Amino acid sequence: MYKLHNPTCFGGMCVNCCAEGNPCGKGCCKVSFRVYDAEQQKTDGDAPYLGHIMKKPKSLSLELFTDADAFEVIFPQEATAAQKGVLIGTSIFLNAIFFEEKGQDAPLV
C-alpha cells in the first residue's frame, strides 16, 4: 500500500524540521510524515512523495486552553476510499505513539 517516513537530512541521521517550510511559523512546530509508494526505495531528503500527514501548529489561545491536536492529511491522488481510511487511522495511531503523554506504567513503544 504505502510507506511513511519523516523527512530527514544528513543522510537520514536526523529529522528535517524545515521540510514543510518554517518549522515554528505559528504555535508549536510542524511535524510531517510523508507518504511514499510501497515500492519506492529512496525516501530520504527530497525524494518525491505522494502525500503527507502533518501535525498542524496551534494558535497560542488553543495551546493554553486545550490539548487537542490537529492533523492535515494529504491523500495520494489514486487512493481509494479504503486507503484513505487507513491513512486517517494512521494519523490517529501516530498521534497516540508520538504526541500523547505516557503514564509511568505505560509500555514503551
PDB file of N, CA and C in Angstrom:
ATOM      1  N   MET A   1       0.834  -1.179   0.000  1.00  0.00           N
ATOM      2  CA  MET A   1       0.000   0.000   0.000  1.00  0.00           C
ATOM      3  C   MET A   1       0.885   1.251   0.000  1.00  0.00           C
ATOM      4  N   TYR A   2       1.339   1.706   1.176  1.00  0.00           N
ATOM      5  CA  TYR A   2       2.157   2.901   1.272  1.00  0.00           C
ATOM      6  C   TYR A   2       3.225   2.740   2.344  1.00  0.00           C
ATOM      7  N   LYS A   3       4.249   3.591   2.268  1.00  0.00           N
ATOM      8  CA  LYS A   3       5.268   3.727   3.309  1.00  0.00           C
ATOM      9  C   LYS A   3       5.135   5.120   3.900  1.00  0.00           C
ATOM     10  N   LEU A   4       5.441   5.246   5.189  1.00  0.00           N
ATOM     11  CA  LEU A   4       5.509   6.561   5.843  1.00  0.00           C
ATOM     12  C   LEU A   4       6.930   6.792   6.303  1.00  0.00           C
ATOM     13  N   HIS A   5       7.375   8.038   6.184  1.00  0.00           N
ATOM     14  CA  HIS A   5       8.741   8.355   6.589  1.00  0.00           C
ATOM     15  C   HIS A   5       8.824   9.840   6.904  1.00  0.00           C
ATOM     16  N   ASN A   6       9.521  10.183   7.996  1.00  0.00           N
ATOM     17  CA  ASN A   6       9.801  11.593   8.276  1.00  0.00           C
ATOM     18  C   ASN A   6      10.796  12.122   7.260  1.00  0.00           C
ATOM     19  N   PRO A   7      10.678  13.387   6.842  1.00  0.00           N
ATOM     20  CA  PRO A   7      11.732  13.974   6.020  1.00  0.00           C
ATOM     21  C   PRO A   7      13.024  14.031   6.838  1.00  0.00           C
ATOM     22  N   THR A   8      14.113  13.577   6.271  1.00  0.00           N
ATOM     23  CA  THR A   8      15.380  13.552   7.002  1.00  0.00           C
ATOM     24  C   THR A   8      16.438  14.358   6.273  1.00  0.00           C
ATOM     25  N   CYS A   9      17.512  14.641   6.988  1.00  0.00           N
ATOM     26  CA  CYS A   9      18.666  15.309   6.404  1.00  0.00           C
ATOM     27  C   CYS A   9      19.920  14.629   6.937  1.00  0.00           C
ATOM     28  N   PHE A  10      21.061  15.034   6.474  1.00  0.00           N
ATOM     29  CA  PHE A  10      22.341  14.449   6.861  1.00  0.00           C
ATOM     30  C   PHE A  10      22.352  12.937   6.643  1.00  0.00           C
ATOM     31  N   GLY A  11      21.905  12.515   5.464  1.00  0.00           N
ATOM     32  CA  GLY A  11      21.949  11.097   5.131  1.00  0.00           C
ATOM     33  C   GLY A  11      20.993  10.254   5.958  1.00  0.00           C
ATOM     34  N   GLY A  12      19.869  10.831   6.395  1.00  0.00           N
ATOM     35  CA  GLY A  12      18.885  10.092   7.164  1.00  0.00           C
ATOM     36  C   GLY A  12      19.167  10.039   8.650  1.00  0.00           C
ATOM     37  N   MET A  13      20.144  10.823   9.122  1.00  0.00           N
ATOM     38  CA  MET A  13      20.530  10.744  10.521  1.00  0.00           C
ATOM     39  C   MET A  13      19.673  11.613  11.442  1.00  0.00           C
ATOM     40  N   CYS A  14      18.969  12.607  10.919  1.00  0.00           N
ATOM     41  CA  CYS A  14      18.115  13.421  11.780  1.00  0.00           C
ATOM     42  C   CYS A  14      16.882  13.871  11.005  1.00  0.00           C
ATOM     43  N   VAL A  15      15.823  14.217  11.730  1.00  0.00           N
ATOM     44  CA  VAL A  15      14.585  14.674  11.113  1.00  0.00           C
ATOM     45  C   VAL A  15      14.783  16.107  10.625  1.00  0.00           C
ATOM     46  N   ASN A  16      14.358  16.377   9.411  1.00  0.00           N
ATOM     47  CA  ASN A  16      14.467  17.706   8.820  1.00  0.00           C
ATOM     48  C   ASN A  16      13.273  18.544   9.258  1.00  0.00           C
ATOM     49  N   CYS A  17      13.467  19.400  10.236  1.00  0.00           N
ATOM     50  CA  CYS A  17      12.381  20.229  10.781  1.00  0.00           C
ATOM     51  C   CYS A  17      11.916  21.306   9.815  1.00  0.00           C
ATOM     52  N   CYS A  18      12.707  21.630   8.811  1.00  0.00           N
ATOM     53  CA  CYS A  18      12.362  22.692   7.869  1.00  0.00           C
ATOM     54  C   CYS A  18      11.780  22.156   6.558  1.00  0.00           C
ATOM     55  N   ALA A  19      11.454  20.872   6.495  1.00  0.00           N
ATOM     56  CA  ALA A  19      10.980  20.267   5.249  1.00  0.00           C
ATOM     57  C   ALA A  19       9.649  20.845   4.785  1.00  0.00           C
ATOM     58  N   GLU A  20       8.801  21.269   5.704  1.00  0.00           N
ATOM     59  CA  GLU A  20       7.490  21.810   5.347  1.00  0.00           C
ATOM     60  C   GLU A  20       7.459  23.329   5.463  1.00  0.00           C
ATOM     61  N   GLY A  21       8.596  23.973   5.303  1.00  0.00           N
ATOM     62  CA  GLY A  21       8.670  25.422   5.436  1.00  0.00           C
ATOM     63  C   GLY A  21       9.130  25.804   6.822  1.00  0.00           C
ATOM     64  N   ASN A  22       8.782  26.985   7.262  1.00  0.00           N
ATOM     65  CA  ASN A  22       9.178  27.476   8.579  1.00  0.00           C
ATOM     66  C   ASN A  22       8.642  26.540   9.659  1.00  0.00           C
ATOM     67  N   PRO A  23       9.502  25.863  10.428  1.00  0.00           N
ATOM     68  CA  PRO A  23       9.021  24.866  11.380  1.00  0.00           C
ATOM     69  C   PRO A  23       8.224  25.444  12.540  1.00  0.00           C
ATOM     70  N   CYS A  24       8.439  26.700  12.871  1.00  0.00           N
ATOM     71  CA  CYS A  24       7.732  27.305  14.008  1.00  0.00           C
ATOM     72  C   CYS A  24       6.983  28.549  13.569  1.00  0.00           C
ATOM     73  N   GLY A  25       6.341  28.476  12.417  1.00  0.00           N
ATOM     74  CA  GLY A  25       5.651  29.635  11.870  1.00  0.00           C
ATOM     75  C   GLY A  25       4.483  30.101  12.697  1.00  0.00           C
ATOM     76  N   LYS A  26       3.809  29.201  13.409  1.00  0.00           N
ATOM     77  CA  LYS A  26       2.649  29.569  14.213  1.00  0.00           C
ATOM     78  C   LYS A  26       2.454  28.500  15.279  1.00  0.00           C
ATOM     79  N   GLY A  27       2.596  28.856  16.525  1.00  0.00           N
ATOM     80  CA  GLY A  27       2.373  27.898  17.597  1.00  0.00           C
ATOM     81  C   GLY A  27       3.470  26.856  17.651  1.00  0.00           C
ATOM     82  N   CYS A  28       3.083  25.621  17.911  1.00  0.00           N
ATOM     83  CA  CYS A  28       4.051  24.525  18.026  1.00  0.00           C
ATOM     84  C   CYS A  28       4.662  24.204  16.665  1.00  0.00           C
ATOM     85  N   CYS A  29       5.745  23.486  16.686  1.00  0.00           N
ATOM     86  CA  CYS A  29       6.435  23.124  15.443  1.00  0.00           C
ATOM     87  C   CYS A  29       5.617  22.143  14.613  1.00  0.00           C
ATOM     88  N   LYS A  30       5.806  22.208  13.299  1.00  0.00           N
ATOM     89  CA  LYS A  30       5.170  21.268  12.387  1.00  0.00           C
ATOM     90  C   LYS A  30       5.923  19.948  12.426  1.00  0.00           C
ATOM     91  N   VAL A  31       5.189  18.858  12.375  1.00  0.00           N
ATOM     92  CA  VAL A  31       5.792  17.535  12.321  1.00  0.00           C
ATOM     93  C   VAL A  31       5.150  16.804  11.157  1.00  0.00           C
ATOM     94  N   SER A  32       5.964  16.359  10.220  1.00  0.00           N
ATOM     95  CA  SER A  32       5.459  15.786   8.989  1.00  0.00           C
ATOM     96  C   SER A  32       5.870  14.323   8.852  1.00  0.00           C
ATOM     97  N   PHE A  33       4.959  13.529   8.315  1.00  0.00           N
ATOM     98  CA  PHE A  33       5.236  12.157   7.906  1.00  0.00           C
ATOM     99  C   PHE A  33       4.816  12.065   6.445  1.00  0.00           C
ATOM    100  N   ARG A  34       5.754  11.796   5.576  1.00  0.00           N
ATOM    101  CA  ARG A  34       5.450  11.751   4.146  1.00  0.00           C
ATOM    102  C   ARG A  34       5.008  10.355   3.726  1.00  0.00           C
ATOM    103  N   VAL A  35       4.087  10.320   2.761  1.00  0.00           N
ATOM    104  CA  VAL A  35       3.529   9.070   2.247  1.00  0.00           C
ATOM    105  C   VAL A  35       4.215   8.755   0.928  1.00  0.00           C
ATOM    106  N   TYR A  36       4.810   7.563   0.865  1.00  0.00           N
ATOM    107  CA  TYR A  36       5.516   7.107  -0.335  1.00  0.00           C
ATOM    108  C   TYR A  36       4.867   5.837  -0.869  1.00  0.00           C
ATOM    109  N   ASP A  37       5.101   5.572  -2.148  1.00  0.00           N
ATOM    110  CA  ASP A  37       4.673   4.313  -2.735  1.00  0.00           C
ATOM    111  C   ASP A  37       5.413   3.174  -2.035  1.00  0.00           C
ATOM    112  N   ALA A  38       4.743   2.057  -1.834  1.00  0.00           N
ATOM    113  CA  ALA A  38       5.345   0.929  -1.116  1.00  0.00           C
ATOM    114  C   ALA A  38       6.584   0.388  -1.816  1.00  0.00           C
ATOM    115  N   GLU A  39       6.675   0.533  -3.121  1.00  0.00           N
ATOM    116  CA  GLU A  39       7.805   0.009  -3.890  1.00  0.00           C
ATOM    117  C   GLU A  39       8.962   0.999  -3.993  1.00  0.00           C
ATOM    118  N   GLN A  40       8.745   2.233  -3.575  1.00  0.00           N
ATOM    119  CA  GLN A  40       9.775   3.269  -3.706  1.00  0.00           C
ATOM    120  C   GLN A  40      10.924   2.986  -2.745  1.00  0.00           C
ATOM    121  N   GLN A  41      12.148   2.987  -3.254  1.00  0.00           N
ATOM    122  CA  GLN A  41      13.327   2.700  -2.446  1.00  0.00           C
ATOM    123  C   GLN A  41      13.830   3.934  -1.710  1.00  0.00           C
ATOM    124  N   LYS A  42      13.932   5.075  -2.403  1.00  0.00           N
ATOM    125  CA  LYS A  42      14.500   6.283  -1.810  1.00  0.00           C
ATOM    126  C   LYS A  42      13.399   7.101  -1.139  1.00  0.00           C
ATOM    127  N   THR A  43      13.537   7.274   0.184  1.00  0.00           N
ATOM    128  CA  THR A  43      12.573   8.082   0.938  1.00  0.00           C
ATOM    129  C   THR A  43      13.272   9.170   1.750  1.00  0.00           C
ATOM    130  N   ASP A  44      14.540   9.432   1.465  1.00  0.00           N
ATOM    131  CA  ASP A  44      15.300  10.440   2.197  1.00  0.00           C
ATOM    132  C   ASP A  44      15.312  11.760   1.435  1.00  0.00           C
ATOM    133  N   GLY A  45      15.586  12.823   2.155  1.00  0.00           N
ATOM    134  CA  GLY A  45      15.810  14.132   1.542  1.00  0.00           C
ATOM    135  C   GLY A  45      14.640  14.615   0.727  1.00  0.00           C
ATOM    136  N   ASP A  46      14.900  14.937  -0.534  1.00  0.00           N
ATOM    137  CA  ASP A  46      13.887  15.499  -1.420  1.00  0.00           C
ATOM    138  C   ASP A  46      13.263  14.459  -2.340  1.00  0.00           C
ATOM    139  N   ALA A  47      13.180  13.224  -1.898  1.00  0.00           N
ATOM    140  CA  ALA A  47      12.572  12.175  -2.712  1.00  0.00           C
ATOM    141  C   ALA A  47      11.102  12.522  -2.969  1.00  0.00           C
ATOM    142  N   PRO A  48      10.606  12.236  -4.177  1.00  0.00           N
ATOM    143  CA  PRO A  48       9.206  12.562  -4.475  1.00  0.00           C
ATOM    144  C   PRO A  48       8.257  11.733  -3.598  1.00  0.00           C
ATOM    145  N   TYR A  49       7.226  12.381  -3.081  1.00  0.00           N
ATOM    146  CA  TYR A  49       6.268  11.691  -2.222  1.00  0.00           C
ATOM    147  C   TYR A  49       4.856  11.921  -2.743  1.00  0.00           C
ATOM    148  N   LEU A  50       3.924  11.048  -2.337  1.00  0.00           N
ATOM    149  CA  LEU A  50       2.557  11.064  -2.849  1.00  0.00           C
ATOM    150  C   LEU A  50       1.607  11.928  -2.018  1.00  0.00           C
ATOM    151  N   GLY A  51       1.876  12.072  -0.741  1.00  0.00           N
ATOM    152  CA  GLY A  51       1.027  12.834   0.161  1.00  0.00           C
ATOM    153  C   GLY A  51       1.741  12.989   1.489  1.00  0.00           C
ATOM    154  N   HIS A  52       1.047  13.504   2.491  1.00  0.00           N
ATOM    155  CA  HIS A  52       1.672  13.594   3.809  1.00  0.00           C
ATOM    156  C   HIS A  52       0.626  13.662   4.916  1.00  0.00           C
ATOM    157  N   ILE A  53       1.074  13.337   6.114  1.00  0.00           N
ATOM    158  CA  ILE A  53       0.308  13.519   7.333  1.00  0.00           C
ATOM    159  C   ILE A  53       1.125  14.492   8.172  1.00  0.00           C
ATOM    160  N   MET A  54       0.534  15.646   8.506  1.00  0.00           N
ATOM    161  CA  MET A  54       1.295  16.661   9.228  1.00  0.00           C
ATOM    162  C   MET A  54       0.521  17.130  10.449  1.00  0.00           C
ATOM    163  N   LYS A  55       1.204  17.156  11.587  1.00  0.00           N
ATOM    164  CA  LYS A  55       0.626  17.735  12.799  1.00  0.00           C
ATOM    165  C   LYS A  55       0.664  19.250  12.623  1.00  0.00           C
ATOM    166  N   LYS A  56      -0.507  19.853  12.648  1.00  0.00           N
ATOM    167  CA  LYS A  56      -0.617  21.288  12.395  1.00  0.00           C
ATOM    168  C   LYS A  56      -0.326  22.076  13.659  1.00  0.00           C
ATOM    169  N   PRO A  57       0.363  23.204  13.530  1.00  0.00           N
ATOM    170  CA  PRO A  57       0.612  24.051  14.698  1.00  0.00           C
ATOM    171  C   PRO A  57      -0.692  24.701  15.173  1.00  0.00           C
ATOM    172  N   LYS A  58      -0.751  24.974  16.472  1.00  0.00           N
ATOM    173  CA  LYS A  58      -1.930  25.599  17.064  1.00  0.00           C
ATOM    174  C   LYS A  58      -1.629  27.050  17.402  1.00  0.00           C
ATOM    175  N   SER A  59      -2.678  27.832  17.542  1.00  0.00           N
ATOM    176  CA  SER A  59      -2.505  29.210  17.987  1.00  0.00           C
ATOM    177  C   SER A  59      -2.247  29.213  19.489  1.00  0.00           C
ATOM    178  N   LEU A  60      -1.787  30.319  20.001  1.00  0.00           N
ATOM    179  CA  LEU A  60      -1.481  30.425  21.422  1.00  0.00           C
ATOM    180  C   LEU A  60      -2.720  30.180  22.288  1.00  0.00           C
ATOM    181  N   SER A  61      -3.874  30.708  21.871  1.00  0.00           N
ATOM    182  CA  SER A  61      -5.092  30.519  22.675  1.00  0.00           C
ATOM    183  C   SER A  61      -5.495  29.047  22.722  1.00  0.00           C
ATOM    184  N   LEU A  62      -5.395  28.343  21.618  1.00  0.00           N
ATOM    185  CA  LEU A  62      -5.700  26.911  21.628  1.00  0.00           C
ATOM    186  C   LEU A  62      -4.676  26.144  22.450  1.00  0.00           C
ATOM    187  N   GLU A  63      -3.446  26.550  22.382  1.00  0.00           N
ATOM    188  CA  GLU A  63      -2.386  25.889  23.143  1.00  0.00           C
ATOM    189  C   GLU A  63      -2.633  26.008  24.644  1.00  0.00           C
ATOM    190  N   LEU A  64      -3.134  27.158  25.085  1.00  0.00           N
ATOM    191  CA  LEU A  64      -3.370  27.382  26.508  1.00  0.00           C
ATOM    192  C   LEU A  64      -4.610  26.677  27.039  1.00  0.00           C
ATOM    193  N   PHE A  65      -5.662  26.601  26.222  1.00  0.00           N
ATOM    194  CA  PHE A  65      -6.952  26.142  26.743  1.00  0.00           C
ATOM    195  C   PHE A  65      -7.372  24.740  26.317  1.00  0.00           C
ATOM    196  N   THR A  66      -6.600  24.075  25.506  1.00  0.00           N
ATOM    197  CA  THR A  66      -6.961  22.721  25.090  1.00  0.00           C
ATOM    198  C   THR A  66      -5.709  21.930  24.768  1.00  0.00           C
ATOM    199  N   ASP A  67      -5.819  20.624  24.847  1.00  0.00           N
ATOM    200  CA  ASP A  67      -4.688  19.784  24.454  1.00  0.00           C
ATOM    201  C   ASP A  67      -5.003  19.029  23.161  1.00  0.00           C
ATOM    202  N   ALA A  68      -6.016  19.487  22.444  1.00  0.00           N
ATOM    203  CA  ALA A  68      -6.387  18.858  21.182  1.00  0.00           C
ATOM    204  C   ALA A  68      -5.312  19.095  20.129  1.00  0.00           C
ATOM    205  N   ASP A  69      -5.104  18.110  19.287  1.00  0.00           N
ATOM    206  CA  ASP A  69      -4.160  18.223  18.173  1.00  0.00           C
ATOM    207  C   ASP A  69      -4.930  18.240  16.861  1.00  0.00           C
ATOM    208  N   ALA A  70      -4.373  18.877  15.866  1.00  0.00           N
ATOM    209  CA  ALA A  70      -4.968  18.910  14.527  1.00  0.00           C
ATOM    210  C   ALA A  70      -3.960  18.358  13.540  1.00  0.00           C
ATOM    211  N   PHE A  71      -4.437  17.520  12.633  1.00  0.00           N
ATOM    212  CA  PHE A  71      -3.585  16.926  11.613  1.00  0.00           C
ATOM    213  C   PHE A  71      -4.125  17.259  10.238  1.00  0.00           C
ATOM    214  N   GLU A  72      -3.217  17.494   9.319  1.00  0.00           N
ATOM    215  CA  GLU A  72      -3.563  17.678   7.914  1.00  0.00           C
ATOM    216  C   GLU A  72      -3.149  16.405   7.190  1.00  0.00           C
ATOM    217  N   VAL A  73      -4.096  15.800   6.473  1.00  0.00           N
ATOM    218  CA  VAL A  73      -3.797  14.589   5.707  1.00  0.00           C
ATOM    219  C   VAL A  73      -3.994  14.915   4.236  1.00  0.00           C
ATOM    220  N   ILE A  74      -2.925  14.833   3.471  1.00  0.00           N
ATOM    221  CA  ILE A  74      -2.988  14.998   2.020  1.00  0.00           C
ATOM    222  C   ILE A  74      -2.894  13.600   1.423  1.00  0.00           C
ATOM    223  N   PHE A  75      -3.966  13.165   0.768  1.00  0.00           N
ATOM    224  CA  PHE A  75      -4.039  11.811   0.229  1.00  0.00           C
ATOM    225  C   PHE A  75      -3.369  11.728  -1.136  1.00  0.00           C
ATOM    226  N   PRO A  76      -2.790  10.574  -1.472  1.00  0.00           N
ATOM    227  CA  PRO A  76      -2.330  10.351  -2.837  1.00  0.00           C
ATOM    228  C   PRO A  76      -3.517  10.446  -3.805  1.00  0.00           C
ATOM    229  N   GLN A  77      -3.283  10.927  -4.998  1.00  0.00           N
ATOM    230  CA  GLN A  77      -4.376  11.139  -5.956  1.00  0.00           C
ATOM    231  C   GLN A  77      -5.121   9.856  -6.298  1.00  0.00           C
ATOM    232  N   GLU A  78      -4.424   8.739  -6.386  1.00  0.00           N
ATOM    233  CA  GLU A  78      -5.065   7.492  -6.804  1.00  0.00           C
ATOM    234  C   GLU A  78      -5.591   6.674  -5.632  1.00  0.00           C
ATOM    235  N   ALA A  79      -5.595   7.226  -4.422  1.00  0.00           N
ATOM    236  CA  ALA A  79      -6.022   6.485  -3.231  1.00  0.00           C
ATOM    237  C   ALA A  79      -7.511   6.175  -3.279  1.00  0.00           C
ATOM    238  N   THR A  80      -7.850   4.931  -2.926  1.00  0.00           N
ATOM    239  CA  THR A  80      -9.251   4.523  -2.835  1.00  0.00           C
ATOM    240  C   THR A  80      -9.812   4.973  -1.488  1.00  0.00           C
ATOM    241  N   ALA A  81     -11.110   4.814  -1.307  1.00  0.00           N
ATOM    242  CA  ALA A  81     -11.732   5.178  -0.031  1.00  0.00           C
ATOM    243  C   ALA A  81     -11.149   4.353   1.113  1.00  0.00           C
ATOM    244  N   ALA A  82     -10.886   3.083   0.873  1.00  0.00           N
ATOM    245  CA  ALA A  82     -10.308   2.225   1.911  1.00  0.00           C
ATOM    246  C   ALA A  82      -8.888   2.678   2.272  1.00  0.00           C
ATOM    247  N   GLN A  83      -8.099   3.048   1.281  1.00  0.00           N
ATOM    248  CA  GLN A  83      -6.740   3.517   1.537  1.00  0.00           C
ATOM    249  C   GLN A  83      -6.762   4.857   2.284  1.00  0.00           C
ATOM    250  N   LYS A  84      -7.711   5.716   1.957  1.00  0.00           N
ATOM    251  CA  LYS A  84      -7.846   6.987   2.681  1.00  0.00           C
ATOM    252  C   LYS A  84      -8.218   6.721   4.139  1.00  0.00           C
ATOM    253  N   GLY A  85      -9.080   5.745   4.370  1.00  0.00           N
ATOM    254  CA  GLY A  85      -9.439   5.369   5.732  1.00  0.00           C
ATOM    255  C   GLY A  85      -8.242   4.866   6.515  1.00  0.00           C
ATOM    256  N   VAL A  86      -7.385   4.089   5.852  1.00  0.00           N
ATOM    257  CA  VAL A  86      -6.172   3.594   6.511  1.00  0.00           C
ATOM    258  C   VAL A  86      -5.251   4.758   6.869  1.00  0.00           C
ATOM    259  N   LEU A  87      -5.122   5.741   5.994  1.00  0.00           N
ATOM    260  CA  LEU A  87      -4.270   6.894   6.281  1.00  0.00           C
ATOM    261  C   LEU A  87      -4.839   7.756   7.414  1.00  0.00           C
ATOM    262  N   ILE A  88      -6.148   7.892   7.484  1.00  0.00           N
ATOM    263  CA  ILE A  88      -6.745   8.621   8.606  1.00  0.00           C
ATOM    264  C   ILE A  88      -6.498   7.863   9.910  1.00  0.00           C
ATOM    265  N   GLY A  89      -6.678   6.548   9.877  1.00  0.00           N
ATOM    266  CA  GLY A  89      -6.374   5.735  11.055  1.00  0.00           C
ATOM    267  C   GLY A  89      -4.910   5.817  11.435  1.00  0.00           C
ATOM    268  N   THR A  90      -4.044   5.901  10.441  1.00  0.00           N
ATOM    269  CA  THR A  90      -2.609   6.044  10.699  1.00  0.00           C
ATOM    270  C   THR A  90      -2.309   7.354  11.408  1.00  0.00           C
ATOM    271  N   SER A  91      -3.014   8.418  11.044  1.00  0.00           N
ATOM    272  CA  SER A  91      -2.788   9.703  11.723  1.00  0.00           C
ATOM    273  C   SER A  91      -3.193   9.613  13.195  1.00  0.00           C
ATOM    274  N   ILE A  92      -4.265   8.885  13.503  1.00  0.00           N
ATOM    275  CA  ILE A  92      -4.666   8.688  14.901  1.00  0.00           C
ATOM    276  C   ILE A  92      -3.614   7.854  15.624  1.00  0.00           C
ATOM    277  N   PHE A  93      -3.099   6.833  14.965  1.00  0.00           N
ATOM    278  CA  PHE A  93      -2.057   5.988  15.547  1.00  0.00           C
ATOM    279  C   PHE A  93      -0.789   6.802  15.811  1.00  0.00           C
ATOM    280  N   LEU A  94      -0.373   7.629  14.856  1.00  0.00           N
ATOM    281  CA  LEU A  94       0.817   8.467  15.034  1.00  0.00           C
ATOM    282  C   LEU A  94       0.632   9.423  16.208  1.00  0.00           C
ATOM    283  N   ASN A  95      -0.567   9.981  16.344  1.00  0.00           N
ATOM    284  CA  ASN A  95      -0.843  10.859  17.472  1.00  0.00           C
ATOM    285  C   ASN A  95      -0.670  10.108  18.791  1.00  0.00           C
ATOM    286  N   ALA A  96      -1.190   8.903  18.873  1.00  0.00           N
ATOM    287  CA  ALA A  96      -1.092   8.126  20.110  1.00  0.00           C
ATOM    288  C   ALA A  96       0.349   7.747  20.424  1.00  0.00           C
ATOM    289  N   ILE A  97       1.126   7.418  19.419  1.00  0.00           N
ATOM    290  CA  ILE A  97       2.501   6.962  19.627  1.00  0.00           C
ATOM    291  C   ILE A  97       3.453   8.123  19.932  1.00  0.00           C
ATOM    292  N   PHE A  98       3.355   9.219  19.175  1.00  0.00           N
ATOM    293  CA  PHE A  98       4.353  10.268  19.257  1.00  0.00           C
ATOM    294  C   PHE A  98       3.950  11.495  20.078  1.00  0.00           C
ATOM    295  N   PHE A  99       2.656  11.797  20.205  1.00  0.00           N
ATOM    296  CA  PHE A  99       2.269  13.087  20.755  1.00  0.00           C
ATOM    297  C   PHE A  99       1.469  13.028  22.046  1.00  0.00           C
ATOM    298  N   GLU A 100       0.984  11.886  22.450  1.00  0.00           N
ATOM    299  CA  GLU A 100       0.234  11.774  23.690  1.00  0.00           C
ATOM    300  C   GLU A 100       1.185  11.470  24.838  1.00  0.00           C
ATOM    301  N   GLU A 101       0.881  12.033  26.009  1.00  0.00           N
ATOM    302  CA  GLU A 101       1.708  11.762  27.187  1.00  0.00           C
ATOM    303  C   GLU A 101       1.497  10.324  27.628  1.00  0.00           C
ATOM    304  N   LYS A 102       2.580   9.714  28.038  1.00  0.00           N
ATOM    305  CA  LYS A 102       2.521   8.352  28.528  1.00  0.00           C
ATOM    306  C   LYS A 102       2.653   8.381  30.047  1.00  0.00           C
ATOM    307  N   GLY A 103       1.855   7.599  30.727  1.00  0.00           N
ATOM    308  CA  GLY A 103       1.965   7.488  32.171  1.00  0.00           C
ATOM    309  C   GLY A 103       3.201   6.682  32.548  1.00  0.00           C
ATOM    310  N   GLN A 104       3.515   6.630  33.824  1.00  0.00           N
ATOM    311  CA  GLN A 104       4.693   5.889  34.271  1.00  0.00           C
ATOM    312  C   GLN A 104       4.586   4.405  33.968  1.00  0.00           C
ATOM    313  N   ASP A 105       3.380   3.856  34.034  1.00  0.00           N
ATOM    314  CA  ASP A 105       3.206   2.417  33.837  1.00  0.00           C
ATOM    315  C   ASP A 105       2.977   2.037  32.380  1.00  0.00           C
ATOM    316  N   ALA A 106       2.937   3.024  31.495  1.00  0.00           N
ATOM    317  CA  ALA A 106       2.693   2.735  30.092  1.00  0.00           C
ATOM    318  C   ALA A 106       3.906   2.070  29.469  1.00  0.00           C
ATOM    319  N   PRO A 107       3.687   1.054  28.628  1.00  0.00           N
ATOM    320  CA  PRO A 107       4.822   0.401  27.979  1.00  0.00           C
ATOM    321  C   PRO A 107       5.472   1.322  26.947  1.00  0.00           C
ATOM    322  N   LEU A 108       6.764   1.206  26.788  1.00  0.00           N
ATOM    323  CA  LEU A 108       7.464   1.981  25.771  1.00  0.00           C
ATOM    324  C   LEU A 108       7.247   1.330  24.428  1.00  0.00           C
ATOM    325  N   VAL A 109       7.021   2.138  23.414  1.00  0.00           N
ATOM    326  CA  VAL A 109       6.784   1.604  22.079  1.00  0.00           C
ATOM    327  C   VAL A 109       7.980   1.869  21.219  1.00  0.00           C
TER     328      VAL A 109
END
